[in-house]
Protein backbone atom coordinates (compact mmCIF):
# COMPACT_ATOMS: atom_id res chain seq x y z
CA MET A 1 -0.06 -0.33 -0.05
CA THR A 2 1.03 3.23 -0.87
CA ALA A 3 0.48 6.96 0.87
CA GLN A 4 -0.22 9.44 -1.00
CA PRO A 5 2.05 12.63 0.00
CA PRO A 6 -0.27 15.67 2.21
CA THR A 7 -1.92 18.31 1.08
CA SER A 8 -1.38 21.41 2.12
CA ASN A 9 -3.04 22.77 4.95
CA PRO A 10 -5.68 25.98 4.23
CA ALA A 11 -3.82 28.99 4.46
CA ARG A 12 -4.16 30.55 8.68
CA PRO A 13 -3.35 33.46 9.36
CA LEU A 14 -1.16 34.49 12.11
CA LEU A 15 -4.11 36.01 14.33
CA PRO A 16 -7.77 34.88 13.79
CA THR A 17 -9.71 37.61 13.29
CA PRO A 18 -11.91 38.34 16.00
CA VAL A 19 -8.74 38.10 18.06
CA ALA A 20 -7.68 41.12 15.46
CA LEU A 21 -10.49 42.75 15.82
CA LEU A 22 -11.09 42.55 19.68
CA TRP A 23 -7.60 43.94 19.76
CA PHE A 24 -8.14 46.51 18.02
CA ALA A 25 -10.54 47.68 19.36
CA ALA A 26 -8.92 47.99 22.88
CA VAL A 27 -6.17 50.05 20.89
CA LEU A 28 -8.92 52.14 19.61
CA SER A 29 -10.64 52.32 23.32
CA TRP A 30 -7.10 53.30 25.12
CA ALA A 31 -5.97 55.76 21.77
CA THR A 32 -9.08 57.78 22.65
CA GLY A 33 -8.93 57.69 26.32
CA ARG A 34 -5.10 59.26 25.87
CA LEU A 35 -6.42 61.95 23.29
CA ALA A 36 -9.21 63.03 25.54
CA GLY A 37 -6.74 63.19 28.26
CA GLN A 38 -4.45 65.49 25.91
CA PHE A 39 -7.05 67.88 24.47
CA GLY A 40 -7.77 68.28 28.32
CA ALA A 41 -11.60 66.51 28.22
CA PHE A 42 -10.85 65.28 31.70
CA ALA A 43 -10.14 68.28 34.20
CA LEU A 44 -9.94 67.01 37.73
CA PRO A 45 -10.71 69.54 40.49
CA ASP A 46 -8.62 69.52 43.46
CA PRO A 47 -11.17 68.53 46.96
CA TRP A 48 -8.89 70.10 49.70
CA ALA A 49 -7.76 73.58 47.61
CA GLY A 50 -10.28 75.69 49.44
CA PRO A 51 -11.10 79.62 49.43
CA GLY A 52 -7.85 81.93 47.93
CA GLY A 53 -6.09 78.37 46.92
CA VAL A 54 -5.23 77.71 50.42
CA SER A 55 -5.24 73.57 51.08
CA THR A 56 -7.96 72.27 53.64
CA SER A 57 -7.56 69.37 56.20
CA THR A 58 -11.59 68.11 55.56
CA PRO A 59 -12.05 68.20 51.52
CA ASP A 60 -15.20 69.75 49.64
CA PRO A 61 -17.55 67.10 49.35
CA VAL A 62 -18.98 68.14 45.84
CA LEU A 63 -15.62 68.99 44.68
CA LEU A 64 -15.00 65.01 46.27
CA ALA A 65 -17.68 63.66 44.28
CA GLU A 66 -16.69 65.39 40.97
CA LEU A 67 -13.51 64.19 41.18
CA GLN A 68 -14.84 60.42 41.72
CA ARG A 69 -17.04 60.81 38.93
CA LEU A 70 -14.65 62.48 36.08
CA SER A 71 -11.89 59.99 37.79
CA ALA A 72 -14.48 57.09 36.61
CA LEU A 73 -14.71 58.62 32.93
CA GLN A 74 -11.08 59.14 32.70
CA THR A 75 -10.23 55.29 33.58
CA LEU A 76 -13.03 53.98 31.30
CA PRO A 77 -11.27 53.49 27.61
CA THR A 78 -8.20 51.92 29.85
CA THR A 79 -10.73 49.56 31.68
CA LEU A 80 -12.65 48.82 28.49
CA ALA A 81 -9.09 48.15 26.77
CA VAL A 82 -7.81 46.06 29.16
CA VAL A 83 -11.26 43.86 29.09
CA LEU A 84 -11.13 43.65 25.38
CA GLY A 85 -7.51 42.30 25.35
CA ALA A 86 -8.09 39.38 27.76
CA VAL A 87 -11.45 38.67 25.77
CA GLY A 88 -8.71 38.35 22.70
CA LEU A 89 -6.72 36.15 24.54
CA ALA A 90 -9.23 33.96 25.37
CA VAL A 91 -10.55 33.53 22.05
CA LEU A 92 -6.81 33.08 21.19
CA TRP A 93 -6.38 30.43 23.16
CA MET A 94 -9.66 28.75 22.47
CA ARG A 95 -8.50 28.71 19.17
CA ARG A 96 -5.07 27.15 18.95
CA GLU A 97 -5.63 24.61 16.76
CA PRO A 98 -1.83 24.10 15.65
CA ASP A 99 -0.89 23.28 19.22
CA PRO A 100 -3.96 22.98 21.36
CA LEU A 101 -3.38 23.59 25.18
CA SER A 102 -4.23 20.17 27.26
CA ARG A 103 -6.12 19.67 30.34
CA VAL A 104 -3.22 20.17 32.47
CA ALA A 105 -1.65 23.39 30.78
CA ALA A 106 -5.48 24.61 30.34
CA VAL A 107 -6.04 24.20 33.91
CA SER A 108 -2.65 25.30 34.88
CA ALA A 109 -2.82 28.49 33.05
CA SER A 110 -6.27 29.03 34.15
CA ILE A 111 -5.64 28.83 37.77
CA ILE A 112 -2.21 31.29 37.78
CA ALA A 113 -4.49 33.34 35.95
CA VAL A 114 -6.64 33.68 39.34
CA ALA A 115 -3.95 33.62 41.73
CA GLY A 116 -2.48 36.40 39.86
CA ALA A 117 -5.59 38.54 40.10
CA LEU A 118 -5.95 37.79 44.16
CA SER A 119 -2.62 39.05 44.11
CA ALA A 120 -2.99 41.86 43.05
CA VAL A 121 -6.44 43.24 44.27
CA ALA A 122 -4.66 42.34 47.90
CA VAL A 123 -1.41 44.45 46.90
CA LEU A 124 -3.99 47.30 45.92
CA ALA A 125 -6.02 47.08 48.84
CA LEU A 126 -2.52 47.09 50.78
CA VAL A 127 -1.43 49.93 49.18
CA ALA A 128 -4.36 51.78 49.05
CA ALA A 129 -5.53 51.42 52.52
CA GLY A 130 -1.91 51.00 54.50
CA PRO A 131 -0.25 53.65 56.33
CA ASP A 132 1.10 56.19 54.74
CA ARG A 133 0.81 54.52 51.44
CA PRO A 134 -1.51 56.76 49.42
CA ILE A 135 -1.35 55.99 45.73
CA GLY A 136 -4.85 57.73 44.92
CA LEU A 137 -8.23 56.74 44.00
CA VAL A 138 -8.57 52.98 43.81
CA ASP A 139 -12.04 51.96 42.56
CA VAL A 140 -13.50 49.14 41.69
CA PRO A 141 -13.11 49.94 37.99
CA VAL A 142 -9.13 50.63 38.66
CA GLY A 143 -9.05 47.26 40.63
CA THR A 144 -11.10 45.18 37.97
CA THR A 145 -8.53 46.60 35.70
CA ALA A 146 -5.17 45.99 37.54
CA ALA A 147 -6.56 42.39 37.99
CA LEU A 148 -7.37 41.84 34.81
CA ALA A 149 -3.78 42.68 33.51
CA THR A 150 -1.98 40.73 36.13
CA ALA A 151 -3.89 37.59 35.38
CA ALA A 152 -3.35 37.82 32.03
CA ALA A 153 0.91 38.40 31.88
CA GLY A 154 0.43 35.68 34.15
CA ALA A 155 -1.57 33.57 32.07
CA SER A 156 0.48 34.63 29.25
CA THR A 157 3.83 33.61 30.65
CA ALA A 158 2.33 30.03 32.09
CA VAL A 159 1.25 29.34 28.19
CA LEU A 160 4.37 30.70 26.61
CA ILE A 161 6.62 28.78 28.77
CA ARG A 162 4.59 25.45 28.75
CA PRO A 163 6.94 23.90 25.41
CA TYR A 164 9.80 24.53 27.67
CA VAL A 165 9.75 24.05 31.30
CA ASP A 166 7.76 21.25 33.75
CA VAL A 167 4.69 22.51 35.20
CA MET A 168 5.66 23.57 38.48
CA ALA A 169 8.41 25.98 36.27
CA ALA A 170 6.00 27.51 34.28
CA HIS A 171 4.36 28.93 37.69
CA ILE A 172 7.39 30.29 38.59
CA TRP A 173 7.71 31.91 35.53
CA ALA A 174 4.09 32.73 35.55
CA GLY A 175 4.24 34.21 39.15
CA ILE A 176 7.46 36.39 37.98
CA GLY A 177 5.30 37.47 35.15
CA GLY A 178 1.97 38.60 36.32
CA ALA A 179 2.90 39.08 40.16
CA GLY A 180 6.48 40.28 39.67
CA LEU A 181 6.81 42.13 37.18
CA ALA A 182 3.42 43.49 35.74
CA LEU A 183 1.76 44.60 38.94
CA PRO A 184 4.86 46.46 40.17
CA LEU A 185 5.06 47.94 37.38
CA MET A 186 0.92 49.05 37.90
CA VAL A 187 1.64 50.38 41.13
CA ALA A 188 4.75 52.22 39.65
CA GLY A 189 2.37 54.09 37.43
CA VAL A 190 2.20 52.19 34.29
CA SER A 191 -0.85 51.87 32.22
CA PRO A 192 -2.71 48.57 33.01
CA ALA A 193 -2.94 49.19 28.71
CA ILE A 194 0.63 48.81 28.45
CA VAL A 195 0.87 45.35 30.83
CA MET A 196 -2.42 44.03 28.47
CA ALA A 197 0.19 45.10 25.75
CA GLY A 198 2.90 42.85 26.94
CA ALA A 199 0.37 40.03 27.63
CA ALA A 200 -1.10 40.00 24.11
CA LEU A 201 2.92 40.47 22.57
CA LEU A 202 3.32 37.08 24.34
CA ALA A 203 0.30 34.86 23.04
CA THR A 204 1.54 36.28 20.01
CA LEU A 205 4.91 34.95 20.40
CA ASP A 206 3.28 31.47 21.53
CA ARG A 207 1.36 31.73 18.36
CA VAL A 208 4.56 31.95 16.00
CA HIS A 209 5.40 28.78 18.54
CA GLY A 210 2.09 27.18 17.13
CA LEU A 211 2.79 27.61 13.54
CA ARG A 212 6.43 26.47 13.42
CA VAL A 213 5.15 22.86 15.58
CA GLU A 214 2.37 22.85 12.87
CA ARG A 215 5.18 23.24 9.57
CA ASP A 216 7.47 20.94 12.01
CA LEU A 217 4.67 18.18 11.74
CA ALA A 218 3.74 18.53 8.31
CA PHE A 219 7.12 18.33 7.12
CA ARG A 220 8.02 15.17 9.03
CA HIS A 221 4.58 13.75 7.89
CA ALA A 222 5.78 14.79 4.42
CA LEU A 223 9.25 12.84 4.92
CA GLU A 224 7.22 9.79 6.38
CA ALA A 225 5.08 9.86 3.21
CA GLU A 226 8.08 9.72 0.86
CA ARG A 227 9.54 7.29 2.20
CA ILE A 228 6.82 4.84 2.76
CA ALA A 229 6.27 5.81 -0.99
CA ALA A 230 9.76 4.74 -1.74
CA GLU A 231 10.38 1.55 0.50
CA GLY A 232 6.67 0.31 0.84
CA ASP A 233 4.94 0.54 4.61
CA SER A 234 7.05 -1.54 7.39
CA GLY A 235 4.46 -0.78 9.92
CA ARG A 236 7.05 1.15 12.10
CA GLY A 237 5.32 4.59 11.62
CA ILE A 238 7.90 7.56 11.91
CA GLY A 239 11.04 6.83 13.62
CA VAL A 240 12.39 7.69 17.36
CA SER A 241 14.80 10.63 17.18
CA GLY A 242 16.51 13.81 19.28
CA LEU A 243 17.58 11.11 21.41
CA PRO A 244 20.77 10.62 21.99
CA GLY A 245 22.67 7.97 19.98
CA ARG A 246 19.50 9.05 17.34
CA PRO A 247 19.88 11.40 14.54
CA PRO A 248 18.13 15.00 15.53
CA THR A 249 14.61 15.47 14.97
CA PRO A 250 13.80 16.84 11.22
CA ARG A 251 12.56 20.35 11.27
CA ALA A 252 11.22 21.97 8.29
CA PRO A 253 13.18 24.14 6.61
CA ARG A 254 12.72 28.03 6.91
CA PRO A 255 11.45 30.09 3.80
CA HIS A 256 15.10 32.09 2.55
CA LEU A 257 15.03 35.01 -0.28
CA PRO A 258 18.12 35.88 -2.38
CA TRP A 259 19.92 38.13 0.01
CA SER A 260 22.54 40.22 -1.67
CA SER A 261 25.30 41.78 0.08
CA ASP A 262 23.89 45.30 -1.09
CA GLN A 263 21.12 45.07 0.51
CA ARG A 264 22.65 44.25 3.55
CA ARG A 265 24.79 47.15 3.19
CA ALA A 266 22.08 49.45 2.53
CA SER A 267 19.85 48.45 5.59
CA ILE A 268 22.95 48.59 8.32
CA TRP A 269 24.12 51.84 6.75
CA LEU A 270 20.20 53.56 6.70
CA GLY A 271 20.13 51.64 10.77
CA VAL A 272 23.06 53.62 11.47
CA VAL A 273 21.86 56.73 9.99
CA ALA A 274 18.76 56.38 11.77
CA ILE A 275 20.11 56.30 14.84
CA VAL A 276 22.67 59.02 14.51
CA VAL A 277 19.78 61.89 13.28
CA VAL A 278 18.13 60.71 16.62
CA SER A 279 20.81 60.88 18.96
CA LEU A 280 22.00 64.12 17.44
CA ALA A 281 18.98 65.75 18.12
CA TRP A 282 18.89 65.05 21.21
CA THR A 283 22.31 65.82 22.32
CA VAL A 284 22.01 68.78 21.00
CA GLY A 285 18.76 69.31 22.07
CA SER A 286 20.00 68.57 25.92
CA THR A 287 23.03 70.22 25.53
CA LEU A 288 21.12 73.86 24.86
CA GLY A 289 18.68 72.24 26.95
CA SER A 290 21.73 72.55 30.11
CA LEU A 291 22.73 76.31 28.59
CA GLY A 292 19.28 77.16 29.46
CA LEU A 293 18.95 78.12 25.67
CA VAL A 294 15.71 75.79 24.96
CA VAL A 295 13.71 73.40 27.49
CA VAL A 296 13.19 69.91 27.27
CA LEU A 297 13.63 68.50 23.76
CA GLY A 298 10.46 66.62 23.77
CA ALA A 299 8.49 69.58 24.27
CA VAL A 300 9.89 71.58 21.55
CA ALA A 301 8.85 71.41 18.30
CA PRO A 302 12.23 71.91 16.49
CA GLY A 303 14.34 69.25 18.34
CA PHE A 304 11.18 66.60 17.47
CA ALA A 305 11.55 68.15 14.22
CA VAL A 306 14.80 67.00 13.81
CA ALA A 307 14.56 63.96 15.25
CA ALA A 308 11.58 63.13 13.76
CA LEU A 309 13.48 62.88 10.21
CA GLY A 310 15.15 59.70 11.81
CA MET A 311 11.84 57.30 10.66
CA LEU A 312 12.88 58.25 7.05
CA PRO A 313 16.27 55.96 6.91
CA LEU A 314 14.19 54.13 9.03
CA LEU A 315 11.50 53.25 7.20
CA TRP A 316 13.62 52.53 4.16
CA GLN A 317 15.53 50.27 6.02
CA ILE A 318 12.32 48.21 7.40
CA ALA A 319 11.35 48.29 3.34
CA VAL A 320 14.65 46.63 2.79
CA LEU A 321 14.86 44.41 5.17
CA LEU A 322 11.39 42.85 3.73
CA ARG A 323 12.29 43.35 0.18
CA VAL A 324 9.89 45.45 -1.00
CA ALA A 325 12.03 48.42 -1.15
CA SER A 326 11.21 48.59 -4.65
CA SER A 327 8.08 47.36 -5.67
CA GLU A 328 6.60 49.94 -3.49
CA ARG A 329 9.21 53.04 -3.81
CA TYR A 330 6.50 55.14 -5.24
CA GLY A 331 4.43 54.83 -2.26
CA LEU A 332 7.37 55.01 0.62
CA THR A 333 8.43 58.31 -1.76
CA VAL A 334 5.30 59.58 -0.95
CA ALA A 335 5.03 58.80 3.29
CA SER A 336 8.34 60.16 2.99
CA GLY A 337 8.25 63.11 1.15
CA MET A 338 5.05 63.93 3.84
CA LEU A 339 7.47 63.01 6.85
CA ALA A 340 10.04 65.56 5.40
CA ALA A 341 7.73 68.51 4.73
CA ALA A 342 6.00 68.20 8.19
CA SER A 343 9.81 68.52 9.81
CA ILE A 344 10.18 71.42 8.01
CA ALA A 345 6.92 73.36 8.51
CA MET A 346 7.97 72.35 12.75
CA LEU A 347 11.29 74.40 11.75
CA THR A 348 10.12 77.07 9.72
CA VAL A 349 6.90 78.11 11.44
CA ASP A 350 6.53 78.32 14.98
CA VAL A 351 2.80 78.45 15.48
CA PRO A 352 0.85 75.84 17.39
CA GLU A 353 -1.66 74.99 15.13
CA VAL A 354 1.27 74.52 12.22
CA TYR A 355 2.88 71.88 14.29
CA LEU A 356 -0.58 69.88 15.73
CA ALA A 357 -0.87 70.19 11.69
CA ALA A 358 2.09 68.58 10.72
CA VAL A 359 2.16 65.86 13.52
CA GLY A 360 -0.98 64.87 11.70
CA VAL A 361 0.43 64.91 8.71
CA GLN A 362 3.17 62.55 10.25
CA SER A 363 0.81 59.88 12.05
CA LEU A 364 -0.93 59.90 8.65
CA ALA A 365 2.64 59.25 6.68
CA VAL A 366 3.25 56.44 9.36
CA GLY A 367 0.33 55.06 8.74
CA LEU A 368 -0.11 55.02 5.55
CA ALA A 369 3.72 53.20 5.43
CA VAL A 370 3.05 50.51 7.38
CA ALA A 371 -0.57 50.08 5.68
CA LEU A 372 2.45 49.36 2.20
CA LEU A 373 4.69 47.43 3.83
CA ALA A 374 1.86 45.26 5.15
CA ARG A 375 0.58 45.04 1.44
CA ARG A 376 3.03 42.72 -0.03
CA ALA A 377 6.07 42.02 2.84
CA PRO A 378 4.10 38.02 4.04
CA SER A 379 3.84 37.26 0.10
CA ALA A 380 7.40 38.84 -0.69
CA ALA A 381 9.19 37.48 2.88
CA THR A 382 7.65 33.77 2.89
CA THR A 383 7.47 30.96 0.96
CA PRO A 384 5.14 27.85 1.21
CA THR A 385 6.49 24.73 3.00
CA PRO A 386 5.37 21.14 2.28
CA GLY A 387 2.22 20.67 4.30
CA THR A 388 2.16 24.38 5.09
CA ALA A 389 0.14 27.24 3.55
CA THR A 390 0.67 31.33 3.73
CA THR A 391 -1.77 33.82 3.55
CA PRO A 392 -1.09 37.38 3.02
CA VAL A 393 -2.07 40.30 5.02
CA THR A 394 -5.97 40.96 4.55
CA PRO A 395 -7.39 45.00 3.31
CA LEU A 396 -8.94 44.79 6.79
CA GLY A 397 -5.79 43.49 8.28
CA ARG A 398 -3.53 46.50 6.76
CA VAL A 399 -5.79 49.27 7.86
CA MET A 400 -5.94 47.86 11.27
CA LEU A 401 -2.19 48.05 10.92
CA GLY A 402 -2.43 51.45 9.41
CA THR A 403 -4.06 52.73 12.05
CA THR A 404 -2.27 51.27 15.08
CA ALA A 405 0.82 52.67 13.88
CA ALA A 406 -0.57 56.29 13.14
CA LEU A 407 -1.81 56.07 16.72
CA ALA A 408 1.54 55.10 18.25
CA TRP A 409 2.90 57.99 16.61
CA LEU A 410 0.47 60.32 18.12
CA LEU A 411 0.71 58.69 21.79
CA MET A 412 4.01 57.13 21.93
CA ILE A 413 6.20 59.08 19.39
CA VAL A 414 5.61 62.72 20.08
CA PRO A 415 5.19 62.79 23.54
CA THR A 416 8.70 61.26 23.83
CA GLY A 417 10.47 63.48 21.60
CA ALA A 418 10.99 60.44 18.77
CA LEU A 419 13.18 58.90 21.14
CA PRO A 420 12.06 55.21 20.48
CA LEU A 421 12.92 55.32 17.53
CA ALA A 422 16.70 55.38 18.13
CA PHE A 423 15.85 51.79 19.52
CA ILE A 424 13.98 50.35 17.31
CA ALA A 425 16.63 51.48 14.74
CA VAL A 426 19.14 49.58 17.00
CA ALA A 427 16.90 46.65 16.97
CA THR A 428 16.46 46.30 13.23
CA THR A 429 19.84 46.78 12.14
CA LEU A 430 21.34 44.47 14.56
CA PHE A 431 19.15 42.12 12.68
CA ALA A 432 20.67 43.32 9.25
CA LEU A 433 24.00 42.67 11.16
CA ARG A 434 22.71 39.01 11.42
CA ARG A 435 21.43 38.31 8.12
CA LYS A 436 23.66 36.90 5.82
CA ALA A 437 24.27 37.14 1.64
CA ARG A 438 23.56 34.15 0.20
CA ALA A 439 22.50 34.26 -3.23
């Protein structure tokens, strides 16, 4: 009896569509709250301010009630973002087609999630009600948000580490990721939405591992089918491997496209230029600030305008690494022109309205560039292996990625004076240094 080689599995995206939609809605909710706060929509009153601005020992009950109401409204977008992120995590873990969780792993992750949530509630109660430990208003929504974020961080760590260690070690790492890192960070002032984003990143890495396992199993199945077709069915199945004295376990070959020396050099130099531009802008701004000529660089339009120019080489470096610089050169040129024009406007016109408009143009350019890179990157950077299939990013996915990138520019790059661009450029340049030229 001769077996036929297996057919390719249906194309499966990195994230299921419901999970991507839930996480995108979480990003929109968090961004809405941040933008509302930046535009002064939640001006919190001071209930301890008496007549003439003199502090009093007893708060004004009317102002205190108003403060509690506005605080609840202020934390509502973050709470909704954390809830949506947690629901997305649950949906992702329920749809682990390549590498489903066993009953023991699922129960373990659930237990560590509940334990992390209880520890978060206990610590918040101690910090809020303990002696001389005021951290502000800690009401039910705030406590629920922190508990959900802690639980998600612990469960994500347990699921991610599960294939590599035993159950007890997984619980230890889950405690480190949840109550050991996530909760202290939130107590120190880190937004629970950022912690939930970290948990989502861990879950995405686990998804990548699951898809890798699927490719390896399909590859081994294809090898066994070829052996049966050549030698006949001996009835022994797939041989044991990977043990001492046995051959290593076969793994699916990683897709490799041609990578020339010119592409490698271009990607490295573009990253170096991006690092130098951002670092130089910060150095000059810090020097001028120490001399009293300007204030902190991140609060000055000219300093940010110069640092934001580092996005130009960084954008082209990423395009070269994804091998789409030639196919998307026209769109990337338009996005680069928008970024450069916005920076020039900031440098030449000292008007707040022009600065805000320029920041909007920059965010639009970044979103457009990310959407263009996502349109061709999956199909250009991957090749199907035996027994697997790849799928490009859908139009809806490109819209979500572009919108997320634009919001990240507004809420993370602009407030920090574009300094994160230097760290991103360092990471991409290190990745480019690791790539070996191959024909």
